Amino acid sequence: AMNRVQLLGRVGQDPIMRQVEGKNPVTIFSLATNEMWRTGDSEMSQGGEHPALFLCTSGDISQKTTWHRISVFRPGLRDVTYQYVRKGSRIFVEGKIDYGEYTDKNNVRRQATTIIA
C-alpha cells in the first residue's frame, strides 16, 4: 500500500508553530492549488512534450482552487518551514494524507484532512 501526495501551490498564510503539552511541536500552514480547464468543447488534444497538458479549441476557462492543510513534524524541516516559508510563496510539498476527527469548541464532531509533510 502507498499513501503519498505531491502538491505545487501557493502558501495561504505565514506558517505557525504549535506545541501541545507533552508532544513535539508542529509547523502548520495552508496551501492553495489551482486547476484550470476549458468548458464547452470536449475535443482535447495532448500538448507536445508535456503529456499532462491538454489544449482545447473553444469554451470558457474555468478554475477551481483547493485549500490544503499542511503539517510539518520533522524537526529540521519543521524549523526551516517556520523560518523561511511565507504567505504567497510558491512551494512543492510531498507527504502523506491523514484523515482525522476532532471535537470543536461547540462540542460538534468534525473531520479534518491534513497533509503530513
N, C-alpha and C. Protein backbone atom coordinates (compact mmCIF):
# COMPACT_ATOMS: atom_id res chain seq x y z
N ALA A 1 0.84 -1.19 0.00
CA ALA A 1 0.00 0.00 0.00
C ALA A 1 0.88 1.24 0.00
N MET A 2 0.35 2.32 -0.53
CA MET A 2 1.11 3.56 -0.59
C MET A 2 0.18 4.74 -0.30
N ASN A 3 0.64 5.66 0.52
CA ASN A 3 -0.08 6.89 0.83
C ASN A 3 0.89 8.03 0.58
N ARG A 4 0.79 8.64 -0.59
CA ARG A 4 1.74 9.69 -0.98
C ARG A 4 1.03 10.74 -1.81
N VAL A 5 1.32 12.00 -1.52
CA VAL A 5 0.72 13.10 -2.26
C VAL A 5 1.79 14.13 -2.58
N GLN A 6 1.70 14.74 -3.77
CA GLN A 6 2.60 15.80 -4.18
C GLN A 6 1.75 17.00 -4.59
N LEU A 7 2.07 18.17 -4.03
CA LEU A 7 1.31 19.38 -4.31
C LEU A 7 2.26 20.51 -4.69
N LEU A 8 1.83 21.33 -5.63
CA LEU A 8 2.56 22.54 -6.00
C LEU A 8 1.56 23.67 -5.94
N GLY A 9 1.82 24.64 -5.07
CA GLY A 9 0.85 25.71 -4.92
C GLY A 9 1.43 26.90 -4.18
N ARG A 10 0.53 27.77 -3.73
CA ARG A 10 0.92 28.99 -3.03
C ARG A 10 0.46 28.92 -1.58
N VAL A 11 1.34 29.40 -0.69
CA VAL A 11 1.06 29.40 0.74
C VAL A 11 0.01 30.47 1.05
N GLY A 12 -1.00 30.08 1.85
CA GLY A 12 -2.11 30.99 2.14
C GLY A 12 -1.86 31.94 3.29
N GLN A 13 -1.05 31.55 4.27
CA GLN A 13 -0.71 32.44 5.37
C GLN A 13 0.64 32.02 5.91
N ASP A 14 1.30 32.94 6.63
CA ASP A 14 2.59 32.58 7.23
C ASP A 14 2.40 31.37 8.14
N PRO A 15 3.34 30.42 8.11
CA PRO A 15 3.23 29.24 8.97
C PRO A 15 3.21 29.62 10.45
N ILE A 16 2.52 28.80 11.23
CA ILE A 16 2.53 28.96 12.68
C ILE A 16 3.10 27.68 13.28
N MET A 17 3.73 27.80 14.44
CA MET A 17 4.24 26.63 15.13
C MET A 17 3.40 26.43 16.39
N ARG A 18 2.92 25.21 16.56
CA ARG A 18 2.12 24.87 17.73
C ARG A 18 2.79 23.75 18.50
N GLN A 19 2.59 23.79 19.80
CA GLN A 19 3.08 22.69 20.63
C GLN A 19 2.05 22.39 21.70
N VAL A 20 1.58 21.15 21.67
CA VAL A 20 0.67 20.68 22.71
C VAL A 20 1.53 20.07 23.80
N GLU A 21 1.17 20.34 25.03
CA GLU A 21 1.97 19.86 26.16
C GLU A 21 2.24 18.36 26.05
N GLY A 22 3.50 18.00 26.17
CA GLY A 22 3.89 16.60 26.12
C GLY A 22 4.08 16.05 24.71
N LYS A 23 3.89 16.88 23.69
CA LYS A 23 4.05 16.43 22.31
C LYS A 23 5.07 17.31 21.60
N ASN A 24 5.60 16.79 20.49
CA ASN A 24 6.56 17.55 19.69
C ASN A 24 5.86 18.71 18.99
N PRO A 25 6.58 19.83 18.75
CA PRO A 25 5.97 20.95 18.03
C PRO A 25 5.68 20.58 16.58
N VAL A 26 4.76 21.32 15.97
CA VAL A 26 4.39 21.12 14.57
C VAL A 26 4.24 22.49 13.92
N THR A 27 4.73 22.60 12.68
CA THR A 27 4.51 23.81 11.89
C THR A 27 3.34 23.56 10.96
N ILE A 28 2.40 24.50 10.92
CA ILE A 28 1.15 24.34 10.16
C ILE A 28 0.98 25.54 9.23
N PHE A 29 0.55 25.25 8.00
CA PHE A 29 0.18 26.32 7.06
C PHE A 29 -0.81 25.77 6.05
N SER A 30 -1.44 26.67 5.31
CA SER A 30 -2.37 26.25 4.26
C SER A 30 -1.71 26.47 2.90
N LEU A 31 -2.08 25.62 1.95
CA LEU A 31 -1.53 25.68 0.60
C LEU A 31 -2.69 25.63 -0.39
N ALA A 32 -2.70 26.56 -1.35
CA ALA A 32 -3.73 26.59 -2.38
C ALA A 32 -3.20 25.99 -3.67
N THR A 33 -3.95 25.06 -4.24
CA THR A 33 -3.64 24.53 -5.57
C THR A 33 -4.77 24.92 -6.50
N ASN A 34 -4.45 25.13 -7.77
CA ASN A 34 -5.45 25.54 -8.76
C ASN A 34 -5.53 24.54 -9.90
N GLU A 35 -6.75 24.29 -10.33
CA GLU A 35 -7.00 23.50 -11.54
C GLU A 35 -7.67 24.43 -12.54
N MET A 36 -7.24 24.38 -13.79
CA MET A 36 -7.88 25.19 -14.83
C MET A 36 -8.28 24.27 -15.97
N TRP A 37 -9.44 24.55 -16.54
CA TRP A 37 -9.91 23.78 -17.69
C TRP A 37 -10.82 24.65 -18.53
N ARG A 38 -11.02 24.21 -19.74
CA ARG A 38 -11.87 24.93 -20.67
C ARG A 38 -13.18 24.15 -20.81
N THR A 39 -14.29 24.83 -20.58
CA THR A 39 -15.60 24.18 -20.68
C THR A 39 -16.14 24.31 -22.10
N GLY A 40 -17.15 23.54 -22.39
CA GLY A 40 -17.76 23.62 -23.71
C GLY A 40 -17.30 22.47 -24.58
N ASP A 41 -16.43 22.77 -25.54
CA ASP A 41 -15.94 21.77 -26.48
C ASP A 41 -15.15 20.70 -25.74
N SER A 42 -15.57 19.45 -25.88
CA SER A 42 -14.89 18.35 -25.20
C SER A 42 -13.73 17.79 -26.01
N GLU A 43 -13.51 18.34 -27.19
CA GLU A 43 -12.41 17.86 -28.02
C GLU A 43 -11.09 18.37 -27.46
N MET A 44 -10.24 17.44 -27.05
CA MET A 44 -8.96 17.81 -26.44
C MET A 44 -7.83 17.15 -27.21
N SER A 45 -6.70 17.82 -27.26
CA SER A 45 -5.53 17.20 -27.86
C SER A 45 -4.38 17.33 -26.89
N GLN A 46 -3.55 16.29 -26.81
CA GLN A 46 -2.42 16.32 -25.89
C GLN A 46 -1.39 17.33 -26.35
N GLY A 47 -0.79 18.00 -25.39
CA GLY A 47 0.22 19.01 -25.69
C GLY A 47 1.60 18.42 -25.82
N GLY A 48 2.20 18.47 -26.96
CA GLY A 48 3.56 18.10 -27.33
C GLY A 48 4.42 17.41 -26.30
N GLU A 49 5.48 18.10 -25.84
CA GLU A 49 6.44 17.47 -24.94
C GLU A 49 5.93 17.39 -23.51
N HIS A 50 4.79 18.00 -23.22
CA HIS A 50 4.20 17.95 -21.87
C HIS A 50 2.92 17.12 -21.93
N PRO A 51 3.03 15.80 -21.76
CA PRO A 51 1.87 14.94 -21.93
C PRO A 51 0.73 15.24 -20.96
N ALA A 52 0.99 15.95 -19.88
CA ALA A 52 -0.08 16.25 -18.93
C ALA A 52 -0.87 17.50 -19.34
N LEU A 53 -0.41 18.22 -20.35
CA LEU A 53 -1.11 19.43 -20.78
C LEU A 53 -2.06 19.11 -21.93
N PHE A 54 -3.25 19.67 -21.86
CA PHE A 54 -4.23 19.45 -22.91
C PHE A 54 -4.66 20.79 -23.49
N LEU A 55 -4.83 20.85 -24.78
CA LEU A 55 -5.26 22.08 -25.44
C LEU A 55 -6.70 21.90 -25.91
N CYS A 56 -7.56 22.85 -25.60
CA CYS A 56 -8.95 22.81 -26.03
C CYS A 56 -9.15 23.88 -27.08
N THR A 57 -10.05 23.61 -28.00
CA THR A 57 -10.23 24.52 -29.12
C THR A 57 -11.22 25.64 -28.84
N SER A 58 -12.19 25.45 -27.94
CA SER A 58 -13.15 26.51 -27.65
C SER A 58 -13.74 26.31 -26.27
N GLY A 59 -14.49 27.31 -25.80
CA GLY A 59 -15.13 27.22 -24.49
C GLY A 59 -14.55 28.22 -23.52
N ASP A 60 -15.23 28.37 -22.40
CA ASP A 60 -14.79 29.30 -21.36
C ASP A 60 -13.80 28.61 -20.44
N ILE A 61 -12.89 29.41 -19.89
CA ILE A 61 -11.91 28.86 -18.95
C ILE A 61 -12.51 28.87 -17.56
N SER A 62 -12.45 27.74 -16.89
CA SER A 62 -12.92 27.62 -15.51
C SER A 62 -11.74 27.31 -14.62
N GLN A 63 -11.87 27.68 -13.34
CA GLN A 63 -10.78 27.45 -12.40
C GLN A 63 -11.36 27.03 -11.06
N LYS A 64 -10.67 26.10 -10.40
CA LYS A 64 -11.05 25.66 -9.07
C LYS A 64 -9.83 25.73 -8.18
N THR A 65 -9.96 26.40 -7.03
CA THR A 65 -8.90 26.46 -6.03
C THR A 65 -9.24 25.52 -4.90
N THR A 66 -8.29 24.68 -4.51
CA THR A 66 -8.45 23.77 -3.39
C THR A 66 -7.44 24.14 -2.32
N TRP A 67 -7.91 24.24 -1.07
CA TRP A 67 -7.03 24.56 0.05
C TRP A 67 -6.66 23.30 0.79
N HIS A 68 -5.38 23.17 1.12
CA HIS A 68 -4.86 22.00 1.83
C HIS A 68 -4.21 22.46 3.13
N ARG A 69 -4.43 21.71 4.19
CA ARG A 69 -3.77 21.99 5.47
C ARG A 69 -2.52 21.13 5.52
N ILE A 70 -1.37 21.79 5.72
CA ILE A 70 -0.08 21.10 5.74
C ILE A 70 0.48 21.13 7.16
N SER A 71 0.92 19.98 7.66
CA SER A 71 1.55 19.88 8.98
C SER A 71 2.94 19.29 8.80
N VAL A 72 3.94 19.95 9.40
CA VAL A 72 5.33 19.51 9.29
C VAL A 72 5.83 19.16 10.69
N PHE A 73 6.14 17.88 10.92
CA PHE A 73 6.57 17.40 12.23
C PHE A 73 8.08 17.18 12.33
N ARG A 74 8.74 16.82 11.21
CA ARG A 74 10.18 16.51 11.25
C ARG A 74 10.97 17.73 11.71
N PRO A 75 11.80 17.59 12.77
CA PRO A 75 12.46 18.74 13.39
C PRO A 75 13.18 19.69 12.44
N GLY A 76 14.07 19.21 11.58
CA GLY A 76 14.79 20.11 10.68
C GLY A 76 13.87 20.81 9.70
N LEU A 77 13.02 20.06 9.04
CA LEU A 77 12.10 20.61 8.05
C LEU A 77 11.07 21.52 8.70
N ARG A 78 10.60 21.14 9.87
CA ARG A 78 9.62 21.93 10.62
C ARG A 78 10.17 23.34 10.89
N ASP A 79 11.43 23.40 11.35
CA ASP A 79 12.03 24.68 11.71
C ASP A 79 12.33 25.54 10.48
N VAL A 80 12.83 24.94 9.42
CA VAL A 80 13.12 25.67 8.19
C VAL A 80 11.81 26.21 7.59
N THR A 81 10.76 25.39 7.61
CA THR A 81 9.46 25.83 7.09
C THR A 81 8.96 27.04 7.86
N TYR A 82 9.04 26.96 9.18
CA TYR A 82 8.57 28.06 10.02
C TYR A 82 9.38 29.34 9.80
N GLN A 83 10.66 29.19 9.58
CA GLN A 83 11.55 30.35 9.45
C GLN A 83 11.50 31.01 8.07
N TYR A 84 11.37 30.22 6.99
CA TYR A 84 11.55 30.77 5.66
C TYR A 84 10.30 30.81 4.77
N VAL A 85 9.32 29.95 5.00
CA VAL A 85 8.14 29.94 4.14
C VAL A 85 7.23 31.10 4.55
N ARG A 86 6.71 31.83 3.57
CA ARG A 86 5.86 32.98 3.83
C ARG A 86 4.62 32.95 2.94
N LYS A 87 3.60 33.68 3.36
CA LYS A 87 2.37 33.81 2.58
C LYS A 87 2.73 34.23 1.15
N GLY A 88 2.14 33.54 0.17
CA GLY A 88 2.39 33.84 -1.23
C GLY A 88 3.51 33.04 -1.85
N SER A 89 4.36 32.41 -1.03
CA SER A 89 5.46 31.60 -1.57
C SER A 89 4.89 30.46 -2.41
N ARG A 90 5.53 30.17 -3.52
CA ARG A 90 5.15 29.02 -4.35
C ARG A 90 6.07 27.88 -3.95
N ILE A 91 5.47 26.81 -3.42
CA ILE A 91 6.29 25.70 -2.92
C ILE A 91 5.73 24.36 -3.37
N PHE A 92 6.62 23.37 -3.35
CA PHE A 92 6.29 21.98 -3.63
C PHE A 92 6.27 21.24 -2.29
N VAL A 93 5.20 20.49 -2.06
CA VAL A 93 5.06 19.72 -0.82
C VAL A 93 4.86 18.26 -1.18
N GLU A 94 5.59 17.39 -0.50
CA GLU A 94 5.40 15.95 -0.65
C GLU A 94 5.16 15.37 0.74
N GLY A 95 4.15 14.52 0.83
CA GLY A 95 3.84 13.93 2.12
C GLY A 95 2.79 12.87 2.00
N LYS A 96 2.07 12.64 3.10
CA LYS A 96 1.00 11.64 3.11
C LYS A 96 -0.29 12.29 3.59
N ILE A 97 -1.41 11.71 3.20
CA ILE A 97 -2.72 12.20 3.60
C ILE A 97 -3.11 11.56 4.92
N ASP A 98 -3.60 12.39 5.84
CA ASP A 98 -4.06 11.90 7.13
C ASP A 98 -5.49 12.38 7.35
N TYR A 99 -6.38 11.45 7.64
CA TYR A 99 -7.77 11.77 7.93
C TYR A 99 -7.99 11.64 9.43
N GLY A 100 -8.47 12.70 10.05
CA GLY A 100 -8.66 12.66 11.49
C GLY A 100 -9.99 13.25 11.89
N GLU A 101 -10.32 13.07 13.16
CA GLU A 101 -11.54 13.64 13.73
C GLU A 101 -11.19 14.43 14.96
N TYR A 102 -11.98 15.46 15.23
CA TYR A 102 -11.81 16.25 16.44
C TYR A 102 -13.17 16.80 16.85
N THR A 103 -13.26 17.29 18.06
CA THR A 103 -14.47 17.92 18.56
C THR A 103 -14.21 19.41 18.67
N ASP A 104 -15.04 20.23 18.00
CA ASP A 104 -14.81 21.67 18.02
C ASP A 104 -15.30 22.30 19.32
N LYS A 105 -15.16 23.62 19.43
CA LYS A 105 -15.50 24.32 20.67
C LYS A 105 -16.99 24.26 21.01
N ASN A 106 -17.83 23.96 20.00
CA ASN A 106 -19.27 23.81 20.24
C ASN A 106 -19.66 22.36 20.48
N ASN A 107 -18.65 21.52 20.73
CA ASN A 107 -18.83 20.10 21.00
C ASN A 107 -19.44 19.34 19.81
N VAL A 108 -19.11 19.81 18.60
CA VAL A 108 -19.55 19.15 17.38
C VAL A 108 -18.37 18.35 16.82
N ARG A 109 -18.64 17.12 16.47
CA ARG A 109 -17.59 16.25 15.92
C ARG A 109 -17.32 16.62 14.47
N ARG A 110 -16.05 16.86 14.15
CA ARG A 110 -15.64 17.29 12.80
C ARG A 110 -14.59 16.34 12.24
N GLN A 111 -14.50 16.34 10.90
CA GLN A 111 -13.45 15.58 10.23
C GLN A 111 -12.45 16.56 9.64
N ALA A 112 -11.18 16.18 9.61
CA ALA A 112 -10.14 17.03 9.05
C ALA A 112 -9.20 16.20 8.21
N THR A 113 -8.85 16.75 7.05
CA THR A 113 -7.86 16.12 6.18
C THR A 113 -6.60 16.96 6.22
N THR A 114 -5.48 16.33 6.49
CA THR A 114 -4.20 17.04 6.62
C THR A 114 -3.15 16.33 5.79
N ILE A 115 -2.27 17.12 5.20
CA ILE A 115 -1.10 16.56 4.52
C ILE A 115 0.05 16.61 5.51
N ILE A 116 0.62 15.44 5.83
CA ILE A 116 1.76 15.37 6.73
C ILE A 116 3.02 15.39 5.87
N ALA A 117 3.77 16.52 5.95
CA ALA A 117 4.95 16.69 5.09
C ALA A 117 6.20 16.27 5.86
